[in-house]
């Protein structure tokens, strides 16, 4: 979850920076990096493992769909 929140914050900050002003976008991007410290270490490792499994499953589905399509 912390990785998804960090990624969303980086995308929002980049959007603010390119469409409005980098003066406001850079602090949003810098603040979103604080999500790396969210939760305990065991919780972060559990979340990273879950996202790894989800990513591998999505990669397998893309590979299978390209083979059978």
Protein backbone atom coordinates (compact mmCIF):
# COMPACT_ATOMS: atom_id res chain seq x y z
CA UNK A 1 0.00 0.00 0.00
CA UNK A 2 2.81 2.42 0.79
CA UNK A 3 4.27 1.90 -2.70
CA UNK A 4 0.92 2.65 -4.34
CA UNK A 5 0.49 5.81 -2.25
CA UNK A 6 4.01 6.95 -3.07
CA UNK A 7 3.46 6.33 -6.79
CA UNK A 8 0.16 8.22 -6.72
CA UNK A 9 1.82 11.14 -4.94
CA UNK A 10 4.64 11.24 -7.47
CA UNK A 11 2.17 11.24 -10.37
CA UNK A 12 0.08 13.98 -8.78
CA UNK A 13 3.19 16.06 -8.03
CA UNK A 14 4.46 15.64 -11.59
CA UNK A 15 1.06 16.67 -12.91
CA UNK A 16 0.99 19.75 -10.71
CA UNK A 17 4.55 20.60 -11.73
CA UNK A 18 3.96 20.35 -15.46
CA UNK A 19 0.49 21.89 -15.58
CA UNK A 20 0.66 24.53 -12.87
CA UNK A 21 4.04 25.31 -11.33
CA UNK A 22 7.09 23.31 -10.25
CA UNK A 23 7.11 25.47 -7.12
CA UNK A 24 4.07 23.49 -5.93
CA UNK A 25 4.79 20.17 -7.66
CA UNK A 26 8.24 19.49 -6.19
CA UNK A 27 7.11 19.63 -2.52
CA UNK A 28 4.26 17.21 -3.31
CA UNK A 29 6.73 14.79 -4.91
CA UNK A 30 9.16 15.17 -2.01
CA UNK A 31 6.37 14.61 0.50
CA UNK A 32 5.21 11.47 -1.25
CA UNK A 33 8.65 9.95 -0.69
CA UNK A 34 7.84 9.91 3.04
CA UNK A 35 5.48 6.99 2.38
CA UNK A 36 8.60 4.75 2.30
CA UNK A 37 8.66 5.10 6.11
CA UNK A 38 4.97 4.29 6.59
CA UNK A 39 4.17 1.35 8.89
CA UNK A 40 6.51 -1.16 10.48
CA UNK A 41 9.27 -2.96 8.61
CA UNK A 42 7.42 -6.29 8.75
CA UNK A 43 4.27 -4.68 7.36
CA UNK A 44 6.22 -3.06 4.50
CA UNK A 45 7.86 -6.37 3.61
CA UNK A 46 4.48 -8.10 3.64
CA UNK A 47 3.03 -5.42 1.33
CA UNK A 48 6.01 -5.63 -1.03
CA UNK A 49 5.65 -9.41 -1.22
CA UNK A 50 1.96 -9.08 -2.02
CA UNK A 51 2.62 -6.54 -4.78
CA UNK A 52 5.35 -8.78 -6.18
CA UNK A 53 2.88 -11.66 -6.46
CA UNK A 54 0.28 -9.38 -8.07
CA UNK A 55 2.86 -8.10 -10.56
CA UNK A 56 4.01 -11.59 -11.47
CA UNK A 57 0.41 -12.73 -11.93
CA UNK A 58 -0.31 -9.76 -14.20
CA UNK A 59 2.83 -10.49 -16.21
CA UNK A 60 1.78 -14.11 -16.63
CA UNK A 61 -1.70 -13.05 -17.77
CA UNK A 62 -0.23 -10.64 -20.33
CA UNK A 63 2.12 -13.35 -21.61
CA UNK A 64 -0.71 -15.89 -21.87
CA UNK A 65 -3.02 -13.45 -23.59
CA UNK A 66 -0.35 -12.56 -26.15
CA UNK A 67 0.32 -16.25 -26.84
CA UNK A 68 -3.36 -17.19 -27.31
CA UNK A 69 -4.43 -14.03 -29.10
